[in-house]
Amino acid sequence: MKIGYFISALSEILILYAYCTNGQKIINESDELRRAMGECPWLDKPLWFKKMLLLMMTKAQATLQIKPFGLYVVCLNNFVGILNGAYSYFNLLRTVK
């Protein structure tokens, strides 16, 4: 029975980890896009290019994030927080036993 609970918990942790790593990749790519647009050589470009670059930089000011139900951001920092909380509850239940 303990092995079944362990396998179930491990599979749920791995699924959550997969979601969090993909959320972190989106955040990292958003930051990389913003940095690349800032380093773009634009001085000798046509006016339409400058306007489009300005529009894209304005839109890219907000970091892209996955926020289910608007409650939290899916990223690796929150994954670590969830694991810490789960381990704390586990220790509490083990000592109360």
PDB file of N, CA and C in Angstrom:
ATOM      1  N   MET A   1       0.818  -1.184   0.000  1.00  0.00           N
ATOM      2  CA  MET A   1       0.000   0.000   0.000  1.00  0.00           C
ATOM      3  C   MET A   1       0.874   1.265   0.000  1.00  0.00           C
ATOM      4  N   LYS A   2       1.977   1.223   0.781  1.00  0.00           N
ATOM      5  CA  LYS A   2       2.873   2.374   0.819  1.00  0.00           C
ATOM      6  C   LYS A   2       3.541   2.592  -0.529  1.00  0.00           C
ATOM      7  N   ILE A   3       3.865   1.492  -1.204  1.00  0.00           N
ATOM      8  CA  ILE A   3       4.501   1.604  -2.512  1.00  0.00           C
ATOM      9  C   ILE A   3       3.537   2.239  -3.514  1.00  0.00           C
ATOM     10  N   GLY A   4       2.272   1.884  -3.429  1.00  0.00           N
ATOM     11  CA  GLY A   4       1.270   2.483  -4.318  1.00  0.00           C
ATOM     12  C   GLY A   4       1.142   3.977  -4.099  1.00  0.00           C
ATOM     13  N   TYR A   5       1.117   4.410  -2.828  1.00  0.00           N
ATOM     14  CA  TYR A   5       1.056   5.841  -2.524  1.00  0.00           C
ATOM     15  C   TYR A   5       2.317   6.557  -3.001  1.00  0.00           C
ATOM     16  N   PHE A   6       3.454   5.917  -2.826  1.00  0.00           N
ATOM     17  CA  PHE A   6       4.719   6.515  -3.257  1.00  0.00           C
ATOM     18  C   PHE A   6       4.755   6.699  -4.771  1.00  0.00           C
ATOM     19  N   ILE A   7       4.337   5.670  -5.507  1.00  0.00           N
ATOM     20  CA  ILE A   7       4.330   5.763  -6.973  1.00  0.00           C
ATOM     21  C   ILE A   7       3.342   6.821  -7.436  1.00  0.00           C
ATOM     22  N   SER A   8       2.193   6.894  -6.796  1.00  0.00           N
ATOM     23  CA  SER A   8       1.201   7.911  -7.146  1.00  0.00           C
ATOM     24  C   SER A   8       1.726   9.321  -6.881  1.00  0.00           C
ATOM     25  N   ALA A   9       2.335   9.522  -5.721  1.00  0.00           N
ATOM     26  CA  ALA A   9       2.885  10.844  -5.391  1.00  0.00           C
ATOM     27  C   ALA A   9       4.028  11.207  -6.327  1.00  0.00           C
ATOM     28  N   LEU A  10       4.878  10.261  -6.636  1.00  0.00           N
ATOM     29  CA  LEU A  10       6.002  10.515  -7.531  1.00  0.00           C
ATOM     30  C   LEU A  10       5.516  10.884  -8.929  1.00  0.00           C
ATOM     31  N   SER A  11       4.498  10.183  -9.428  1.00  0.00           N
ATOM     32  CA  SER A  11       3.988  10.513 -10.762  1.00  0.00           C
ATOM     33  C   SER A  11       3.350  11.903 -10.777  1.00  0.00           C
ATOM     34  N   GLU A  12       2.657  12.283  -9.719  1.00  0.00           N
ATOM     35  CA  GLU A  12       2.062  13.622  -9.658  1.00  0.00           C
ATOM     36  C   GLU A  12       3.137  14.700  -9.575  1.00  0.00           C
ATOM     37  N   ILE A  13       4.202  14.417  -8.839  1.00  0.00           N
ATOM     38  CA  ILE A  13       5.307  15.371  -8.744  1.00  0.00           C
ATOM     39  C   ILE A  13       5.981  15.535 -10.108  1.00  0.00           C
ATOM     40  N   LEU A  14       6.165  14.464 -10.837  1.00  0.00           N
ATOM     41  CA  LEU A  14       6.788  14.549 -12.157  1.00  0.00           C
ATOM     42  C   LEU A  14       5.918  15.315 -13.149  1.00  0.00           C
ATOM     43  N   ILE A  15       4.612  15.115 -13.084  1.00  0.00           N
ATOM     44  CA  ILE A  15       3.708  15.859 -13.968  1.00  0.00           C
ATOM     45  C   ILE A  15       3.754  17.344 -13.629  1.00  0.00           C
ATOM     46  N   LEU A  16       3.715  17.678 -12.354  1.00  0.00           N
ATOM     47  CA  LEU A  16       3.803  19.070 -11.925  1.00  0.00           C
ATOM     48  C   LEU A  16       5.138  19.683 -12.340  1.00  0.00           C
ATOM     49  N   TYR A  17       6.210  18.913 -12.234  1.00  0.00           N
ATOM     50  CA  TYR A  17       7.531  19.387 -12.653  1.00  0.00           C
ATOM     51  C   TYR A  17       7.548  19.690 -14.150  1.00  0.00           C
ATOM     52  N   ALA A  18       6.910  18.830 -14.949  1.00  0.00           N
ATOM     53  CA  ALA A  18       6.869  19.063 -16.399  1.00  0.00           C
ATOM     54  C   ALA A  18       6.140  20.365 -16.711  1.00  0.00           C
ATOM     55  N   TYR A  19       5.012  20.608 -16.057  1.00  0.00           N
ATOM     56  CA  TYR A  19       4.285  21.861 -16.276  1.00  0.00           C
ATOM     57  C   TYR A  19       5.122  23.060 -15.850  1.00  0.00           C
ATOM     58  N   CYS A  20       5.775  22.948 -14.716  1.00  0.00           N
ATOM     59  CA  CYS A  20       6.559  24.080 -14.195  1.00  0.00           C
ATOM     60  C   CYS A  20       7.781  24.377 -15.055  1.00  0.00           C
ATOM     61  N   THR A  21       8.436  23.364 -15.579  1.00  0.00           N
ATOM     62  CA  THR A  21       9.586  23.623 -16.449  1.00  0.00           C
ATOM     63  C   THR A  21       9.141  24.289 -17.744  1.00  0.00           C
ATOM     64  N   ASN A  22       7.989  23.885 -18.277  1.00  0.00           N
ATOM     65  CA  ASN A  22       7.497  24.534 -19.491  1.00  0.00           C
ATOM     66  C   ASN A  22       7.084  25.978 -19.204  1.00  0.00           C
ATOM     67  N   GLY A  23       6.477  26.221 -18.055  1.00  0.00           N
ATOM     68  CA  GLY A  23       6.146  27.590 -17.669  1.00  0.00           C
ATOM     69  C   GLY A  23       7.392  28.439 -17.503  1.00  0.00           C
ATOM     70  N   GLN A  24       8.439  27.859 -16.925  1.00  0.00           N
ATOM     71  CA  GLN A  24       9.702  28.585 -16.755  1.00  0.00           C
ATOM     72  C   GLN A  24      10.350  28.867 -18.108  1.00  0.00           C
ATOM     73  N   LYS A  25      10.236  27.941 -19.056  1.00  0.00           N
ATOM     74  CA  LYS A  25      10.787  28.172 -20.399  1.00  0.00           C
ATOM     75  C   LYS A  25      10.095  29.350 -21.075  1.00  0.00           C
ATOM     76  N   ILE A  26       8.787  29.462 -20.888  1.00  0.00           N
ATOM     77  CA  ILE A  26       8.046  30.583 -21.474  1.00  0.00           C
ATOM     78  C   ILE A  26       8.518  31.897 -20.864  1.00  0.00           C
ATOM     79  N   ILE A  27       8.711  31.928 -19.552  1.00  0.00           N
ATOM     80  CA  ILE A  27       9.194  33.139 -18.883  1.00  0.00           C
ATOM     81  C   ILE A  27      10.593  33.492 -19.378  1.00  0.00           C
ATOM     82  N   ASN A  28      11.466  32.502 -19.496  1.00  0.00           N
ATOM     83  CA  ASN A  28      12.837  32.749 -19.958  1.00  0.00           C
ATOM     84  C   ASN A  28      12.861  33.245 -21.404  1.00  0.00           C
ATOM     85  N   GLU A  29      12.042  32.656 -22.266  1.00  0.00           N
ATOM     86  CA  GLU A  29      11.990  33.093 -23.660  1.00  0.00           C
ATOM     87  C   GLU A  29      11.427  34.505 -23.770  1.00  0.00           C
ATOM     88  N   SER A  30      10.490  34.856 -22.913  1.00  0.00           N
ATOM     89  CA  SER A  30       9.958  36.220 -22.907  1.00  0.00           C
ATOM     90  C   SER A  30      11.053  37.217 -22.542  1.00  0.00           C
ATOM     91  N   ASP A  31      11.850  36.883 -21.541  1.00  0.00           N
ATOM     92  CA  ASP A  31      12.970  37.745 -21.163  1.00  0.00           C
ATOM     93  C   ASP A  31      14.007  37.833 -22.278  1.00  0.00           C
ATOM     94  N   GLU A  32      14.272  36.718 -22.935  1.00  0.00           N
ATOM     95  CA  GLU A  32      15.243  36.694 -24.031  1.00  0.00           C
ATOM     96  C   GLU A  32      14.751  37.531 -25.213  1.00  0.00           C
ATOM     97  N   LEU A  33      13.465  37.468 -25.509  1.00  0.00           N
ATOM     98  CA  LEU A  33      12.897  38.266 -26.589  1.00  0.00           C
ATOM     99  C   LEU A  33      13.029  39.746 -26.285  1.00  0.00           C
ATOM    100  N   ARG A  34      12.732  40.122 -25.051  1.00  0.00           N
ATOM    101  CA  ARG A  34      12.842  41.521 -24.652  1.00  0.00           C
ATOM    102  C   ARG A  34      14.290  42.013 -24.771  1.00  0.00           C
ATOM    103  N   ARG A  35      15.224  41.196 -24.352  1.00  0.00           N
ATOM    104  CA  ARG A  35      16.644  41.566 -24.427  1.00  0.00           C
ATOM    105  C   ARG A  35      17.102  41.668 -25.882  1.00  0.00           C
ATOM    106  N   ALA A  36      16.655  40.738 -26.729  1.00  0.00           N
ATOM    107  CA  ALA A  36      17.044  40.755 -28.141  1.00  0.00           C
ATOM    108  C   ALA A  36      16.493  41.986 -28.853  1.00  0.00           C
ATOM    109  N   MET A  37      15.273  42.387 -28.523  1.00  0.00           N
ATOM    110  CA  MET A  37      14.718  43.588 -29.140  1.00  0.00           C
ATOM    111  C   MET A  37      15.457  44.834 -28.669  1.00  0.00           C
ATOM    112  N   GLY A  38      15.907  44.834 -27.438  1.00  0.00           N
ATOM    113  CA  GLY A  38      16.663  45.979 -26.940  1.00  0.00           C
ATOM    114  C   GLY A  38      18.032  46.108 -27.572  1.00  0.00           C
ATOM    115  N   GLU A  39      18.619  44.987 -27.982  1.00  0.00           N
ATOM    116  CA  GLU A  39      19.947  44.999 -28.596  1.00  0.00           C
ATOM    117  C   GLU A  39      19.901  45.108 -30.113  1.00  0.00           C
ATOM    118  N   CYS A  40      18.713  45.172 -30.663  1.00  0.00           N
ATOM    119  CA  CYS A  40      18.551  45.220 -32.119  1.00  0.00           C
ATOM    120  C   CYS A  40      19.098  46.534 -32.685  1.00  0.00           C
ATOM    121  N   PRO A  41      19.906  46.465 -33.745  1.00  0.00           N
ATOM    122  CA  PRO A  41      20.390  47.710 -34.358  1.00  0.00           C
ATOM    123  C   PRO A  41      19.263  48.366 -35.157  1.00  0.00           C
ATOM    124  N   TRP A  42      18.803  49.515 -34.726  1.00  0.00           N
ATOM    125  CA  TRP A  42      17.643  50.148 -35.339  1.00  0.00           C
ATOM    126  C   TRP A  42      17.914  51.545 -35.880  1.00  0.00           C
ATOM    127  N   LEU A  43      19.105  52.082 -35.654  1.00  0.00           N
ATOM    128  CA  LEU A  43      19.382  53.470 -36.042  1.00  0.00           C
ATOM    129  C   LEU A  43      19.319  53.690 -37.556  1.00  0.00           C
ATOM    130  N   ASP A  44      19.829  52.767 -38.335  1.00  0.00           N
ATOM    131  CA  ASP A  44      19.864  52.965 -39.783  1.00  0.00           C
ATOM    132  C   ASP A  44      18.749  52.214 -40.511  1.00  0.00           C
ATOM    133  N   LYS A  45      17.684  51.898 -39.810  1.00  0.00           N
ATOM    134  CA  LYS A  45      16.559  51.159 -40.395  1.00  0.00           C
ATOM    135  C   LYS A  45      15.477  52.127 -40.850  1.00  0.00           C
ATOM    136  N   PRO A  46      14.556  51.673 -41.716  1.00  0.00           N
ATOM    137  CA  PRO A  46      13.470  52.541 -42.175  1.00  0.00           C
ATOM    138  C   PRO A  46      12.463  52.843 -41.052  1.00  0.00           C
ATOM    139  N   LEU A  47      11.643  53.812 -41.299  1.00  0.00           N
ATOM    140  CA  LEU A  47      10.688  54.276 -40.290  1.00  0.00           C
ATOM    141  C   LEU A  47       9.692  53.190 -39.906  1.00  0.00           C
ATOM    142  N   TRP A  48       9.228  52.396 -40.874  1.00  0.00           N
ATOM    143  CA  TRP A  48       8.260  51.348 -40.554  1.00  0.00           C
ATOM    144  C   TRP A  48       8.866  50.328 -39.595  1.00  0.00           C
ATOM    145  N   PHE A  49      10.156  50.042 -39.746  1.00  0.00           N
ATOM    146  CA  PHE A  49      10.836  49.098 -38.862  1.00  0.00           C
ATOM    147  C   PHE A  49      10.913  49.653 -37.444  1.00  0.00           C
ATOM    148  N   LYS A  50      11.239  50.935 -37.324  1.00  0.00           N
ATOM    149  CA  LYS A  50      11.331  51.567 -36.006  1.00  0.00           C
ATOM    150  C   LYS A  50       9.986  51.576 -35.300  1.00  0.00           C
ATOM    151  N   LYS A  51       8.928  51.842 -36.065  1.00  0.00           N
ATOM    152  CA  LYS A  51       7.587  51.854 -35.464  1.00  0.00           C
ATOM    153  C   LYS A  51       7.183  50.451 -34.996  1.00  0.00           C
ATOM    154  N   MET A  52       7.461  49.456 -35.807  1.00  0.00           N
ATOM    155  CA  MET A  52       7.114  48.083 -35.439  1.00  0.00           C
ATOM    156  C   MET A  52       7.940  47.606 -34.236  1.00  0.00           C
ATOM    157  N   LEU A  53       9.202  47.994 -34.213  1.00  0.00           N
ATOM    158  CA  LEU A  53      10.048  47.629 -33.075  1.00  0.00           C
ATOM    159  C   LEU A  53       9.540  48.288 -31.799  1.00  0.00           C
ATOM    160  N   LEU A  54       9.137  49.544 -31.886  1.00  0.00           N
ATOM    161  CA  LEU A  54       8.580  50.247 -30.738  1.00  0.00           C
ATOM    162  C   LEU A  54       7.291  49.584 -30.262  1.00  0.00           C
ATOM    163  N   LEU A  55       6.446  49.190 -31.207  1.00  0.00           N
ATOM    164  CA  LEU A  55       5.202  48.507 -30.854  1.00  0.00           C
ATOM    165  C   LEU A  55       5.483  47.166 -30.177  1.00  0.00           C
ATOM    166  N   MET A  56       6.415  46.403 -30.723  1.00  0.00           N
ATOM    167  CA  MET A  56       6.744  45.095 -30.137  1.00  0.00           C
ATOM    168  C   MET A  56       7.371  45.252 -28.755  1.00  0.00           C
ATOM    169  N   MET A  57       8.221  46.260 -28.573  1.00  0.00           N
ATOM    170  CA  MET A  57       8.847  46.475 -27.265  1.00  0.00           C
ATOM    171  C   MET A  57       7.807  46.914 -26.239  1.00  0.00           C
ATOM    172  N   THR A  58       6.818  47.691 -26.667  1.00  0.00           N
ATOM    173  CA  THR A  58       5.749  48.093 -25.757  1.00  0.00           C
ATOM    174  C   THR A  58       4.936  46.882 -25.320  1.00  0.00           C
ATOM    175  N   LYS A  59       4.608  46.011 -26.256  1.00  0.00           N
ATOM    176  CA  LYS A  59       3.840  44.803 -25.930  1.00  0.00           C
ATOM    177  C   LYS A  59       4.652  43.814 -25.090  1.00  0.00           C
ATOM    178  N   ALA A  60       5.961  43.802 -25.267  1.00  0.00           N
ATOM    179  CA  ALA A  60       6.811  42.835 -24.576  1.00  0.00           C
ATOM    180  C   ALA A  60       7.198  43.288 -23.169  1.00  0.00           C
ATOM    181  N   GLN A  61       6.728  44.434 -22.727  1.00  0.00           N
ATOM    182  CA  GLN A  61       7.072  44.890 -21.382  1.00  0.00           C
ATOM    183  C   GLN A  61       6.504  43.959 -20.314  1.00  0.00           C
ATOM    184  N   ALA A  62       5.336  43.412 -20.557  1.00  0.00           N
ATOM    185  CA  ALA A  62       4.744  42.463 -19.613  1.00  0.00           C
ATOM    186  C   ALA A  62       5.312  41.077 -19.888  1.00  0.00           C
ATOM    187  N   THR A  63       5.812  40.425 -18.856  1.00  0.00           N
ATOM    188  CA  THR A  63       6.389  39.093 -19.002  1.00  0.00           C
ATOM    189  C   THR A  63       5.290  38.075 -19.287  1.00  0.00           C
ATOM    190  N   LEU A  64       5.524  37.217 -20.262  1.00  0.00           N
ATOM    191  CA  LEU A  64       4.572  36.150 -20.549  1.00  0.00           C
ATOM    192  C   LEU A  64       4.653  35.100 -19.444  1.00  0.00           C
ATOM    193  N   GLN A  65       3.501  34.733 -18.902  1.00  0.00           N
ATOM    194  CA  GLN A  65       3.452  33.757 -17.823  1.00  0.00           C
ATOM    195  C   GLN A  65       2.206  32.898 -17.972  1.00  0.00           C
ATOM    196  N   ILE A  66       2.295  31.685 -17.483  1.00  0.00           N
ATOM    197  CA  ILE A  66       1.120  30.832 -17.387  1.00  0.00           C
ATOM    198  C   ILE A  66       0.552  31.015 -15.988  1.00  0.00           C
ATOM    199  N   LYS A  67      -0.687  31.508 -15.910  1.00  0.00           N
ATOM    200  CA  LYS A  67      -1.333  31.749 -14.624  1.00  0.00           C
ATOM    201  C   LYS A  67      -2.696  31.058 -14.618  1.00  0.00           C
ATOM    202  N   PRO A  68      -2.761  29.810 -14.149  1.00  0.00           N
ATOM    203  CA  PRO A  68      -4.047  29.124 -14.121  1.00  0.00           C
ATOM    204  C   PRO A  68      -5.005  29.810 -13.144  1.00  0.00           C
ATOM    205  N   PHE A  69      -6.179  30.167 -13.640  1.00  0.00           N
ATOM    206  CA  PHE A  69      -7.223  30.849 -12.872  1.00  0.00           C
ATOM    207  C   PHE A  69      -6.739  32.165 -12.281  1.00  0.00           C
ATOM    208  N   GLY A  70      -5.599  32.686 -12.713  1.00  0.00           N
ATOM    209  CA  GLY A  70      -5.064  33.940 -12.208  1.00  0.00           C
ATOM    210  C   GLY A  70      -4.583  33.871 -10.773  1.00  0.00           C
ATOM    211  N   LEU A  71      -4.340  32.667 -10.249  1.00  0.00           N
ATOM    212  CA  LEU A  71      -3.976  32.511  -8.845  1.00  0.00           C
ATOM    213  C   LEU A  71      -2.470  32.536  -8.610  1.00  0.00           C
ATOM    214  N   TYR A  72      -1.716  31.864  -9.442  1.00  0.00           N
ATOM    215  CA  TYR A  72      -0.271  31.756  -9.242  1.00  0.00           C
ATOM    216  C   TYR A  72       0.404  31.591 -10.593  1.00  0.00           C
ATOM    217  N   VAL A  73       1.688  31.797 -10.616  1.00  0.00           N
ATOM    218  CA  VAL A  73       2.477  31.645 -11.837  1.00  0.00           C
ATOM    219  C   VAL A  73       3.098  30.255 -11.836  1.00  0.00           C
ATOM    220  N   VAL A  74       2.981  29.573 -12.962  1.00  0.00           N
ATOM    221  CA  VAL A  74       3.572  28.244 -13.088  1.00  0.00           C
ATOM    222  C   VAL A  74       5.041  28.421 -13.453  1.00  0.00           C
ATOM    223  N   CYS A  75       5.924  28.226 -12.459  1.00  0.00           N
ATOM    224  CA  CYS A  75       7.369  28.347 -12.689  1.00  0.00           C
ATOM    225  C   CYS A  75       8.092  27.456 -11.679  1.00  0.00           C
ATOM    226  N   LEU A  76       9.389  27.359 -11.816  1.00  0.00           N
ATOM    227  CA  LEU A  76      10.159  26.468 -10.952  1.00  0.00           C
ATOM    228  C   LEU A  76      10.218  26.959  -9.505  1.00  0.00           C
ATOM    229  N   ASN A  77      10.171  28.283  -9.287  1.00  0.00           N
ATOM    230  CA  ASN A  77      10.164  28.788  -7.913  1.00  0.00           C
ATOM    231  C   ASN A  77       8.920  28.321  -7.158  1.00  0.00           C
ATOM    232  N   ASN A  78       7.782  28.351  -7.828  1.00  0.00           N
ATOM    233  CA  ASN A  78       6.559  27.886  -7.182  1.00  0.00           C
ATOM    234  C   ASN A  78       6.562  26.366  -7.007  1.00  0.00           C
ATOM    235  N   PHE A  79       7.204  25.655  -7.916  1.00  0.00           N
ATOM    236  CA  PHE A  79       7.325  24.204  -7.768  1.00  0.00           C
ATOM    237  C   PHE A  79       8.102  23.856  -6.502  1.00  0.00           C
ATOM    238  N   VAL A  80       9.184  24.579  -6.267  1.00  0.00           N
ATOM    239  CA  VAL A  80       9.980  24.354  -5.053  1.00  0.00           C
ATOM    240  C   VAL A  80       9.146  24.693  -3.815  1.00  0.00           C
ATOM    241  N   GLY A  81       8.365  25.763  -3.885  1.00  0.00           N
ATOM    242  CA  GLY A  81       7.503  26.126  -2.764  1.00  0.00           C
ATOM    243  C   GLY A  81       6.451  25.068  -2.482  1.00  0.00           C
ATOM    244  N   ILE A  82       5.882  24.498  -3.527  1.00  0.00           N
ATOM    245  CA  ILE A  82       4.890  23.427  -3.360  1.00  0.00           C
ATOM    246  C   ILE A  82       5.537  22.205  -2.725  1.00  0.00           C
ATOM    247  N   LEU A  83       6.740  21.850  -3.173  1.00  0.00           N
ATOM    248  CA  LEU A  83       7.430  20.696  -2.583  1.00  0.00           C
ATOM    249  C   LEU A  83       7.776  20.942  -1.116  1.00  0.00           C
ATOM    250  N   ASN A  84       8.212  22.169  -0.792  1.00  0.00           N
ATOM    251  CA  ASN A  84       8.511  22.485   0.608  1.00  0.00           C
ATOM    252  C   ASN A  84       7.274  22.385   1.476  1.00  0.00           C
ATOM    253  N   GLY A  85       6.152  22.903   0.979  1.00  0.00           N
ATOM    254  CA  GLY A  85       4.902  22.815   1.727  1.00  0.00           C
ATOM    255  C   GLY A  85       4.444  21.380   1.906  1.00  0.00           C
ATOM    256  N   ALA A  86       4.548  20.582   0.856  1.00  0.00           N
ATOM    257  CA  ALA A  86       4.139  19.179   0.945  1.00  0.00           C
ATOM    258  C   ALA A  86       5.022  18.420   1.930  1.00  0.00           C
ATOM    259  N   TYR A  87       6.306  18.705   1.922  1.00  0.00           N
ATOM    260  CA  TYR A  87       7.204  18.028   2.858  1.00  0.00           C
ATOM    261  C   TYR A  87       6.921  18.457   4.297  1.00  0.00           C
ATOM    262  N   SER A  88       6.581  19.721   4.488  1.00  0.00           N
ATOM    263  CA  SER A  88       6.228  20.196   5.836  1.00  0.00           C
ATOM    264  C   SER A  88       4.969  19.496   6.349  1.00  0.00           C
ATOM    265  N   TYR A  89       3.950  19.390   5.481  1.00  0.00           N
ATOM    266  CA  TYR A  89       2.731  18.681   5.882  1.00  0.00           C
ATOM    267  C   TYR A  89       3.022  17.215   6.166  1.00  0.00           C
ATOM    268  N   PHE A  90       3.875  16.610   5.356  1.00  0.00           N
ATOM    269  CA  PHE A  90       4.240  15.213   5.578  1.00  0.00           C
ATOM    270  C   PHE A  90       4.905  15.031   6.946  1.00  0.00           C
ATOM    271  N   ASN A  91       5.837  15.905   7.275  1.00  0.00           N
ATOM    272  CA  ASN A  91       6.499  15.811   8.582  1.00  0.00           C
ATOM    273  C   ASN A  91       5.528  16.053   9.725  1.00  0.00           C
ATOM    274  N   LEU A  92       4.607  16.998   9.552  1.00  0.00           N
ATOM    275  CA  LEU A  92       3.605  17.264  10.580  1.00  0.00           C
ATOM    276  C   LEU A  92       2.724  16.049  10.801  1.00  0.00           C
ATOM    277  N   LEU A  93       2.267  15.443   9.727  1.00  0.00           N
ATOM    278  CA  LEU A  93       1.411  14.249   9.871  1.00  0.00           C
ATOM    279  C   LEU A  93       2.186  13.071  10.446  1.00  0.00           C
ATOM    280  N   ARG A  94       3.456  12.980  10.117  1.00  0.00           N
ATOM    281  CA  ARG A  94       4.259  11.876  10.640  1.00  0.00           C
ATOM    282  C   ARG A  94       4.497  12.030  12.140  1.00  0.00           C
ATOM    283  N   THR A  95       4.690  13.277  12.626  1.00  0.00           N
ATOM    284  CA  THR A  95       4.910  13.486  14.058  1.00  0.00           C
ATOM    285  C   THR A  95       3.612  13.364  14.846  1.00  0.00           C
ATOM    286  N   VAL A  96       2.482  13.709  14.249  1.00  0.00           N
ATOM    287  CA  VAL A  96       1.176  13.608  14.928  1.00  0.00           C
ATOM    288  C   VAL A  96       0.769  12.143  15.065  1.00  0.00           C
ATOM    289  N   LYS A  97       1.201  11.320  14.168  1.00  0.00           N
ATOM    290  CA  LYS A  97       0.838   9.890  14.161  1.00  0.00           C
ATOM    291  C   LYS A  97       1.073   9.311  15.513  1.00  0.00           C
TER     292      LYS A  97
END
